[in-house]
Amino acid sequence: MRTFFIYLFLEYKKSAKVLLKSTVSLLLAAVLLLGAAAVLSHVFFGSRMLQAIDVGVAVPEGEKETKAVLRFLSAMESAEAVCNFRYFPENEAMEKLYEGEVQAVIVLPESLYEDMYSGEKGRIAVYLPEDPPFRVQVFRELLADGVSLLTTAEAGVLAASDLAGADAIAYGERDEIGFPKMKPYEAANFISYEYIQCALGRDNMFDEYVYSPLGQMDLYQYYFAAAVSVLLLMSGLNYSFLYQGNSRAVEQKLRVMGLGTVKVSLIKILVMANASWLLAAASYLAGCLFSRWGKFDFIWFHGSALLLLIPVSIGAAFYFHAVYSVFGKGMQGAVFLLSVNAVMVLCSGVVIPLAYLPEAVRRVGQYLPLNFLRQYCAEVFF
């Protein structure tokens, strides 16, 4: 037993020296992973399926109320997804439409706000190119749908106000002066405000379900779990010194001293598991500090995560031991480990989510060990 602990201490000491020397390479790998994650997140999640168009809006001078309504509408999420409002005088807006700087122009008449308030019909002119591109056609259809909804709402308001006035007169519902309790325009205002409240709260009328290639995590959480998983696997390249030719000579000597193959393998697994756990724990703590100091709030510290990283570190150590036991001579084990890890990185969804990969690759990638490792790290961290 004394020989076991002496050899374990010597392997720990040797591994500490080697891992300290490889710290720079691990940091470089981490920087490259984070850089790749940032680029891919910009490509896959920063781009949009349909680019918003620029719409020139001509508002008469002095129409402060109309401008306030337009600013409110332009700030709505549904409007931002389709168009960007830019305000110009009418002549300048039309020039920019002909030059292609804007893809549509909306000209609002004077006294539009007063016309809407008094129930008059205000005419709004919308100018589009003769042969509009697809995104402009989408804007035109959405605009037509919006006009149809407003027309339907207006018809409902006018019909209800007429009915309210007729009922008040027919049934004699009058106040102490003798006038109907609610005049037609008061009924119209009341119904209009009720309609506006329902329209603004339309998002509360539906249940929201988000289907994302990242699962229930956001972008930072997904790539953080992926980066830690890849670092954990790539750290196995530093353990090739445990399986060099001189180490095998020492093992033969240890076998003579009563330290068999099983015990020697157990020592190597313990050394690699401990080093892997230290790397994973350091990455987790660094992520917590970065999240707090950078005010990203994508990960929070909880002590149980450090304990839950132990099983995955042991599993990674068994994986390294299996590879180096078969391909341990010279650099063959490290080259084979790098090749297998590279294939798993490309096919298991840690760099590009599985949803964006070809179907054949996706079917294979969902069963690769790295995919399960990423999912486990995600469960532990989040």
Protein backbone atom coordinates (compact mmCIF):
# COMPACT_ATOMS: atom_id res chain seq x y z
CA MET A 1 0.00 0.00 0.00
CA ARG A 2 2.93 2.30 0.74
CA THR A 3 4.20 1.82 -2.81
CA PHE A 4 0.73 2.75 -4.12
CA PHE A 5 0.65 6.14 -2.34
CA ILE A 6 4.28 6.92 -3.17
CA TYR A 7 3.68 6.30 -6.86
CA LEU A 8 0.41 8.28 -6.68
CA PHE A 9 2.26 11.23 -5.11
CA LEU A 10 5.01 11.10 -7.74
CA GLU A 11 2.46 11.04 -10.58
CA TYR A 12 0.60 13.98 -9.03
CA LYS A 13 3.85 15.90 -8.75
CA LYS A 14 4.83 15.17 -12.35
CA SER A 15 1.35 16.00 -13.65
CA ALA A 16 1.32 19.32 -11.78
CA LYS A 17 4.55 20.39 -13.50
CA VAL A 18 3.30 19.36 -16.93
CA LEU A 19 -0.10 21.01 -16.48
CA LEU A 20 1.45 24.27 -15.31
CA LYS A 21 3.49 24.35 -18.51
CA SER A 22 0.37 23.70 -20.57
CA THR A 23 -1.63 26.47 -18.91
CA VAL A 24 -0.84 28.86 -21.76
CA SER A 25 -2.10 26.40 -24.36
CA LEU A 26 -5.32 25.86 -22.37
CA LEU A 27 -5.90 29.61 -22.10
CA LEU A 28 -5.28 29.98 -25.82
CA ALA A 29 -7.75 27.19 -26.53
CA ALA A 30 -10.33 28.90 -24.30
CA VAL A 31 -9.86 32.21 -26.14
CA LEU A 32 -10.24 30.47 -29.50
CA LEU A 33 -13.40 28.70 -28.34
CA LEU A 34 -14.95 31.91 -27.08
CA GLY A 35 -13.99 33.70 -30.29
CA ALA A 36 -15.50 30.96 -32.42
CA ALA A 37 -18.66 31.03 -30.29
CA ALA A 38 -18.95 34.81 -30.73
CA VAL A 39 -18.55 34.57 -34.52
CA LEU A 40 -21.03 31.73 -34.85
CA SER A 41 -23.56 33.42 -32.60
CA HIS A 42 -23.33 36.52 -34.80
CA VAL A 43 -23.74 34.48 -37.99
CA PHE A 44 -26.56 32.19 -36.87
CA PHE A 45 -28.44 34.33 -34.38
CA GLY A 46 -27.53 37.90 -35.35
CA SER A 47 -28.82 37.51 -38.88
CA ARG A 48 -32.54 37.67 -39.55
CA MET A 49 -34.67 35.69 -41.95
CA LEU A 50 -36.29 38.88 -43.26
CA GLN A 51 -34.49 42.21 -43.03
CA ALA A 52 -36.54 45.18 -41.90
CA ILE A 53 -37.13 47.87 -44.50
CA ASP A 54 -36.58 51.61 -44.09
CA VAL A 55 -39.84 53.56 -44.28
CA GLY A 56 -39.79 57.31 -44.79
CA VAL A 57 -42.54 59.08 -42.86
CA ALA A 58 -43.61 62.61 -43.73
CA VAL A 59 -45.31 64.30 -40.77
CA PRO A 60 -46.58 67.89 -41.12
CA GLU A 61 -44.98 70.50 -38.92
CA GLY A 62 -46.68 71.06 -35.61
CA GLU A 63 -48.31 67.61 -35.46
CA LYS A 64 -46.79 66.71 -32.09
CA GLU A 65 -49.55 64.29 -31.15
CA THR A 66 -49.19 62.38 -34.43
CA LYS A 67 -45.41 62.13 -33.96
CA ALA A 68 -45.92 60.83 -30.44
CA VAL A 69 -48.27 58.12 -31.70
CA LEU A 70 -45.80 57.14 -34.44
CA ARG A 71 -42.91 56.90 -31.97
CA PHE A 72 -45.05 54.65 -29.82
CA LEU A 73 -45.95 52.43 -32.77
CA SER A 74 -42.37 52.26 -34.05
CA ALA A 75 -41.15 51.10 -30.63
CA MET A 76 -43.49 48.10 -30.64
CA GLU A 77 -41.80 44.77 -31.22
CA SER A 78 -44.13 43.82 -34.06
CA ALA A 79 -43.27 47.06 -35.91
CA GLU A 80 -39.51 46.84 -35.29
CA ALA A 81 -39.46 43.36 -36.82
CA VAL A 82 -40.83 44.70 -40.12
CA CYS A 83 -39.70 48.28 -40.63
CA ASN A 84 -37.64 51.19 -39.37
CA PHE A 85 -39.32 54.60 -39.41
CA ARG A 86 -37.28 57.56 -40.65
CA TYR A 87 -38.81 61.04 -40.58
CA PHE A 88 -38.38 63.49 -43.48
CA PRO A 89 -40.29 66.31 -45.13
CA GLU A 90 -42.52 65.01 -47.90
CA ASN A 91 -40.34 66.14 -50.82
CA GLU A 92 -37.18 64.73 -49.26
CA ALA A 93 -38.92 61.45 -48.45
CA MET A 94 -40.06 61.02 -52.07
CA GLU A 95 -36.54 61.77 -53.33
CA LYS A 96 -35.09 59.12 -51.05
CA LEU A 97 -37.70 56.65 -52.31
CA TYR A 98 -36.64 57.27 -55.91
CA GLU A 99 -32.97 56.98 -54.94
CA GLY A 100 -33.60 53.69 -53.11
CA GLU A 101 -32.53 54.90 -49.66
CA VAL A 102 -35.98 54.05 -48.30
CA GLN A 103 -38.27 51.29 -49.54
CA ALA A 104 -41.59 52.95 -48.76
CA VAL A 105 -42.98 56.38 -47.91
CA ILE A 106 -45.96 57.21 -45.69
CA VAL A 107 -47.36 60.74 -46.03
CA LEU A 108 -49.61 61.87 -43.19
CA PRO A 109 -52.05 64.74 -43.83
CA GLU A 110 -52.40 67.75 -41.62
CA SER A 111 -54.85 67.56 -38.72
CA LEU A 112 -54.76 63.75 -38.84
CA TYR A 113 -54.95 63.50 -35.06
CA GLU A 114 -57.95 65.85 -34.91
CA ASP A 115 -59.68 63.96 -37.71
CA MET A 116 -59.31 60.65 -35.89
CA TYR A 117 -60.44 62.20 -32.63
CA SER A 118 -63.55 63.74 -34.17
CA GLY A 119 -64.39 60.67 -36.25
CA GLU A 120 -63.56 62.22 -39.64
CA LYS A 121 -61.89 60.07 -42.28
CA GLY A 122 -58.21 60.96 -42.55
CA ARG A 123 -56.49 60.00 -45.78
CA ILE A 124 -52.95 58.57 -45.45
CA ALA A 125 -50.90 58.10 -48.63
CA VAL A 126 -48.48 55.17 -48.91
CA TYR A 127 -45.96 55.09 -51.77
CA LEU A 128 -44.15 51.89 -52.81
CA PRO A 129 -41.81 51.03 -55.71
CA GLU A 130 -43.35 49.66 -58.89
CA ASP A 131 -41.59 46.30 -58.63
CA PRO A 132 -40.99 45.96 -54.88
CA PRO A 133 -38.68 43.24 -53.53
CA PHE A 134 -40.07 40.46 -51.40
CA ARG A 135 -39.58 42.15 -48.02
CA VAL A 136 -41.43 45.25 -49.30
CA GLN A 137 -44.26 43.01 -50.50
CA VAL A 138 -44.44 41.53 -47.00
CA PHE A 139 -44.66 45.07 -45.58
CA ARG A 140 -47.45 45.92 -48.03
CA GLU A 141 -49.45 42.83 -47.06
CA LEU A 142 -49.00 43.49 -43.35
CA LEU A 143 -50.06 47.09 -43.87
CA ALA A 144 -53.19 45.93 -45.72
CA ASP A 145 -53.97 43.50 -42.89
CA GLY A 146 -53.59 46.29 -40.36
CA VAL A 147 -55.94 48.55 -42.32
CA SER A 148 -58.48 45.72 -42.51
CA LEU A 149 -58.35 45.23 -38.75
CA LEU A 150 -58.76 48.95 -38.13
CA THR A 151 -61.68 49.10 -40.56
CA THR A 152 -63.39 46.25 -38.75
CA ALA A 153 -62.77 47.89 -35.40
CA GLU A 154 -64.11 51.22 -36.67
CA ALA A 155 -67.27 49.55 -37.94
CA GLY A 156 -67.77 47.89 -34.56
CA VAL A 157 -67.27 51.14 -32.68
CA LEU A 158 -69.67 53.11 -34.89
CA ALA A 159 -72.31 50.40 -34.77
CA ALA A 160 -72.07 50.13 -30.99
CA SER A 161 -72.26 53.91 -30.53
CA ASP A 162 -75.33 54.12 -32.78
CA LEU A 163 -76.94 51.29 -30.86
CA ALA A 164 -76.12 52.94 -27.53
CA GLY A 165 -77.71 56.20 -28.66
CA ALA A 166 -80.81 54.47 -30.02
CA ASP A 167 -81.29 52.40 -26.85
CA ALA A 168 -80.88 55.43 -24.63
CA ILE A 169 -83.58 57.31 -26.52
CA ALA A 170 -85.91 54.33 -26.90
CA TYR A 171 -85.87 53.29 -23.26
CA GLY A 172 -85.77 56.80 -21.87
CA GLU A 173 -82.52 56.36 -19.95
CA ARG A 174 -81.83 60.00 -19.20
CA ASP A 175 -80.05 61.98 -16.50
CA GLU A 176 -81.60 64.61 -14.25
CA ILE A 177 -81.38 67.27 -16.98
CA GLY A 178 -83.19 65.11 -19.49
CA PHE A 179 -80.32 64.02 -21.78
CA PRO A 180 -79.44 60.38 -22.42
CA LYS A 181 -77.03 59.01 -19.80
CA MET A 182 -74.37 58.19 -22.43
CA LYS A 183 -74.29 60.16 -25.62
CA PRO A 184 -73.23 58.43 -28.87
CA TYR A 185 -69.75 60.02 -28.93
CA GLU A 186 -69.26 59.03 -25.28
CA ALA A 187 -70.20 55.47 -26.13
CA ALA A 188 -67.79 55.61 -29.08
CA ASN A 189 -64.97 56.86 -26.84
CA PHE A 190 -65.70 54.22 -24.23
CA ILE A 191 -65.74 51.38 -26.77
CA SER A 192 -62.63 52.79 -28.50
CA TYR A 193 -60.64 52.83 -25.26
CA GLU A 194 -61.79 49.30 -24.47
CA TYR A 195 -60.67 48.20 -27.92
CA ILE A 196 -57.29 49.93 -27.55
CA GLN A 197 -56.68 48.20 -24.21
CA CYS A 198 -57.49 44.83 -25.75
CA ALA A 199 -55.28 45.57 -28.76
CA LEU A 200 -52.30 46.64 -26.67
CA GLY A 201 -52.72 43.61 -24.41
CA ARG A 202 -53.10 41.16 -27.29
CA ASP A 203 -49.93 39.32 -26.26
CA ASN A 204 -51.69 38.23 -23.07
CA MET A 205 -54.39 36.47 -25.07
CA PHE A 206 -52.05 33.68 -26.19
CA ASP A 207 -49.73 31.17 -24.54
CA GLU A 208 -46.15 31.67 -25.61
CA TYR A 209 -43.92 28.70 -26.45
CA VAL A 210 -40.35 29.22 -27.62
CA TYR A 211 -38.80 26.55 -29.83
CA SER A 212 -35.07 27.18 -30.01
CA PRO A 213 -32.11 25.13 -31.29
CA LEU A 214 -30.47 26.01 -27.96
CA GLY A 215 -33.16 24.33 -25.89
CA GLN A 216 -34.13 26.18 -22.73
CA MET A 217 -30.81 28.04 -22.51
CA ASP A 218 -29.88 31.37 -23.97
CA LEU A 219 -26.89 31.92 -26.24
CA TYR A 220 -24.33 32.59 -23.50
CA GLN A 221 -25.38 29.59 -21.44
CA TYR A 222 -25.30 27.23 -24.40
CA TYR A 223 -21.82 28.18 -25.54
CA PHE A 224 -20.45 28.35 -22.02
CA ALA A 225 -21.47 24.73 -21.37
CA ALA A 226 -20.10 23.79 -24.80
CA ALA A 227 -16.77 25.54 -24.17
CA VAL A 228 -16.26 23.83 -20.81
CA SER A 229 -17.08 20.45 -22.39
CA VAL A 230 -14.58 20.96 -25.22
CA LEU A 231 -11.87 22.18 -22.82
CA LEU A 232 -12.44 19.13 -20.67
CA LEU A 233 -11.96 16.78 -23.60
CA MET A 234 -9.04 18.67 -25.11
CA SER A 235 -7.23 18.68 -21.77
CA GLY A 236 -6.65 14.96 -22.34
CA LEU A 237 -3.91 15.87 -24.80
CA ASN A 238 -1.77 16.93 -21.83
CA TYR A 239 -1.83 13.48 -20.21
CA SER A 240 0.19 11.65 -22.85
CA PHE A 241 3.26 11.85 -20.58
CA LEU A 242 1.66 9.23 -18.34
CA TYR A 243 1.86 6.69 -21.14
CA GLN A 244 5.32 7.35 -22.59
CA GLY A 245 7.87 4.57 -23.09
CA ASN A 246 9.82 5.36 -19.91
CA SER A 247 6.57 5.18 -17.94
CA ARG A 248 6.05 1.65 -19.21
CA ALA A 249 9.50 0.67 -17.97
CA VAL A 250 8.58 2.06 -14.56
CA GLU A 251 5.35 0.08 -14.64
CA GLN A 252 7.27 -3.14 -15.22
CA LYS A 253 9.41 -2.34 -12.19
CA LEU A 254 6.30 -1.57 -10.15
CA ARG A 255 4.76 -4.85 -11.21
CA VAL A 256 7.74 -6.60 -9.69
CA MET A 257 7.16 -4.60 -6.48
CA GLY A 258 3.55 -5.80 -6.30
CA LEU A 259 1.81 -2.86 -7.97
CA GLY A 260 -0.14 -4.53 -10.74
CA THR A 261 -1.73 -3.14 -13.90
CA VAL A 262 -5.08 -2.44 -12.26
CA LYS A 263 -3.57 -0.33 -9.49
CA VAL A 264 -1.32 1.57 -11.90
CA SER A 265 -4.32 2.28 -14.12
CA LEU A 266 -6.32 3.43 -11.11
CA ILE A 267 -3.54 5.86 -10.15
CA LYS A 268 -3.47 7.35 -13.65
CA ILE A 269 -7.24 7.70 -13.69
CA LEU A 270 -7.18 9.44 -10.30
CA VAL A 271 -4.48 11.85 -11.49
CA MET A 272 -6.34 12.70 -14.72
CA ALA A 273 -9.72 12.93 -12.96
CA ASN A 274 -8.32 15.34 -10.39
CA ALA A 275 -6.71 17.53 -13.03
CA SER A 276 -9.88 17.49 -15.14
CA TRP A 277 -12.00 18.46 -12.14
CA LEU A 278 -9.68 21.36 -11.33
CA LEU A 279 -9.95 22.59 -14.93
CA ALA A 280 -13.75 22.29 -15.02
CA ALA A 281 -14.14 23.93 -11.59
CA ALA A 282 -11.80 26.78 -12.55
CA SER A 283 -13.77 27.35 -15.77
CA TYR A 284 -17.04 27.38 -13.84
CA LEU A 285 -15.74 29.87 -11.26
CA ALA A 286 -14.26 32.07 -14.00
CA GLY A 287 -17.62 32.05 -15.77
CA CYS A 288 -19.41 33.06 -12.55
CA LEU A 289 -16.99 35.94 -11.97
CA PHE A 290 -17.23 37.09 -15.58
CA SER A 291 -21.03 36.94 -15.45
CA ARG A 292 -21.16 38.98 -12.25
CA TRP A 293 -18.53 41.59 -13.05
CA GLY A 294 -19.66 41.95 -16.65
CA LYS A 295 -23.33 42.13 -15.54
CA PHE A 296 -24.37 39.46 -18.07
CA ASP A 297 -26.20 37.39 -15.42
CA PHE A 298 -26.15 34.17 -17.42
CA ILE A 299 -24.69 31.95 -14.69
CA TRP A 300 -24.72 31.97 -10.89
CA PHE A 301 -22.55 30.16 -8.38
CA HIS A 302 -23.89 27.24 -6.36
CA GLY A 303 -21.64 24.88 -4.44
CA SER A 304 -23.37 21.69 -5.57
CA ALA A 305 -22.06 22.27 -9.10
CA LEU A 306 -18.50 21.64 -7.90
CA LEU A 307 -19.55 18.26 -6.52
CA LEU A 308 -21.54 17.36 -9.61
CA LEU A 309 -18.47 17.96 -11.76
CA ILE A 310 -16.69 15.04 -10.09
CA PRO A 311 -18.54 12.25 -11.99
CA VAL A 312 -17.95 13.88 -15.36
CA SER A 313 -14.26 14.35 -14.54
CA ILE A 314 -13.94 10.68 -13.66
CA GLY A 315 -15.73 9.73 -16.87
CA ALA A 316 -13.36 11.88 -18.91
CA ALA A 317 -10.39 10.24 -17.16
CA PHE A 318 -11.67 6.76 -18.08
CA TYR A 319 -12.04 7.96 -21.69
CA PHE A 320 -8.45 9.27 -21.76
CA HIS A 321 -7.14 6.08 -20.19
CA ALA A 322 -8.92 3.91 -22.75
CA VAL A 323 -7.47 5.90 -25.65
CA TYR A 324 -3.92 6.03 -24.31
CA SER A 325 -3.95 2.37 -23.29
CA VAL A 326 -4.62 1.37 -26.89
CA PHE A 327 -2.66 4.11 -28.70
CA GLY A 328 -0.20 5.04 -25.96
CA LYS A 329 3.12 4.61 -27.73
CA GLY A 330 4.78 7.90 -28.62
CA MET A 331 2.37 10.56 -29.86
CA GLN A 332 -0.08 8.12 -31.40
CA GLY A 333 -2.47 8.35 -28.47
CA ALA A 334 -2.51 12.16 -28.52
CA VAL A 335 -3.01 12.26 -32.30
CA PHE A 336 -5.87 9.76 -32.14
CA LEU A 337 -7.48 11.62 -29.23
CA LEU A 338 -7.23 14.94 -31.10
CA SER A 339 -8.78 13.39 -34.23
CA VAL A 340 -11.70 11.85 -32.35
CA ASN A 341 -12.31 15.05 -30.38
CA ALA A 342 -12.25 17.13 -33.57
CA VAL A 343 -14.89 14.91 -35.18
CA MET A 344 -17.09 15.11 -32.10
CA VAL A 345 -16.71 18.90 -31.91
CA LEU A 346 -17.92 19.27 -35.49
CA CYS A 347 -20.75 16.74 -35.29
CA SER A 348 -22.12 16.93 -31.74
CA GLY A 349 -23.58 20.43 -31.83
CA VAL A 350 -21.17 22.21 -29.49
CA VAL A 351 -20.00 24.65 -32.18
CA ILE A 352 -22.99 24.68 -34.52
CA PRO A 353 -26.28 23.57 -32.89
CA LEU A 354 -27.58 20.24 -34.11
CA ALA A 355 -30.66 21.89 -35.62
CA TYR A 356 -28.47 23.57 -38.26
CA LEU A 357 -26.51 20.45 -39.23
CA PRO A 358 -27.47 18.04 -42.05
CA GLU A 359 -29.92 15.36 -41.05
CA ALA A 360 -27.40 12.50 -41.35
CA VAL A 361 -24.87 14.34 -39.18
CA ARG A 362 -27.60 15.29 -36.71
CA ARG A 363 -28.69 11.69 -36.23
CA VAL A 364 -25.12 10.62 -35.47
CA GLY A 365 -24.21 13.70 -33.43
CA GLN A 366 -27.02 13.35 -30.93
CA TYR A 367 -25.51 10.08 -29.71
CA LEU A 368 -21.87 11.22 -29.49
CA PRO A 369 -20.33 11.39 -25.99
CA LEU A 370 -19.53 15.08 -26.35
CA ASN A 371 -23.21 15.89 -26.86
CA PHE A 372 -24.11 14.07 -23.63
CA LEU A 373 -21.20 15.81 -21.89
CA ARG A 374 -22.47 19.23 -22.97
CA GLN A 375 -25.98 18.41 -21.81
CA TYR A 376 -24.68 17.23 -18.46
CA CYS A 377 -22.58 20.37 -17.97
CA ALA A 378 -25.61 22.48 -18.87
CA GLU A 379 -27.71 20.69 -16.26
CA VAL A 380 -24.97 21.17 -13.66
CA PHE A 381 -24.32 24.85 -14.37
CA PHE A 382 -27.89 26.02 -14.98
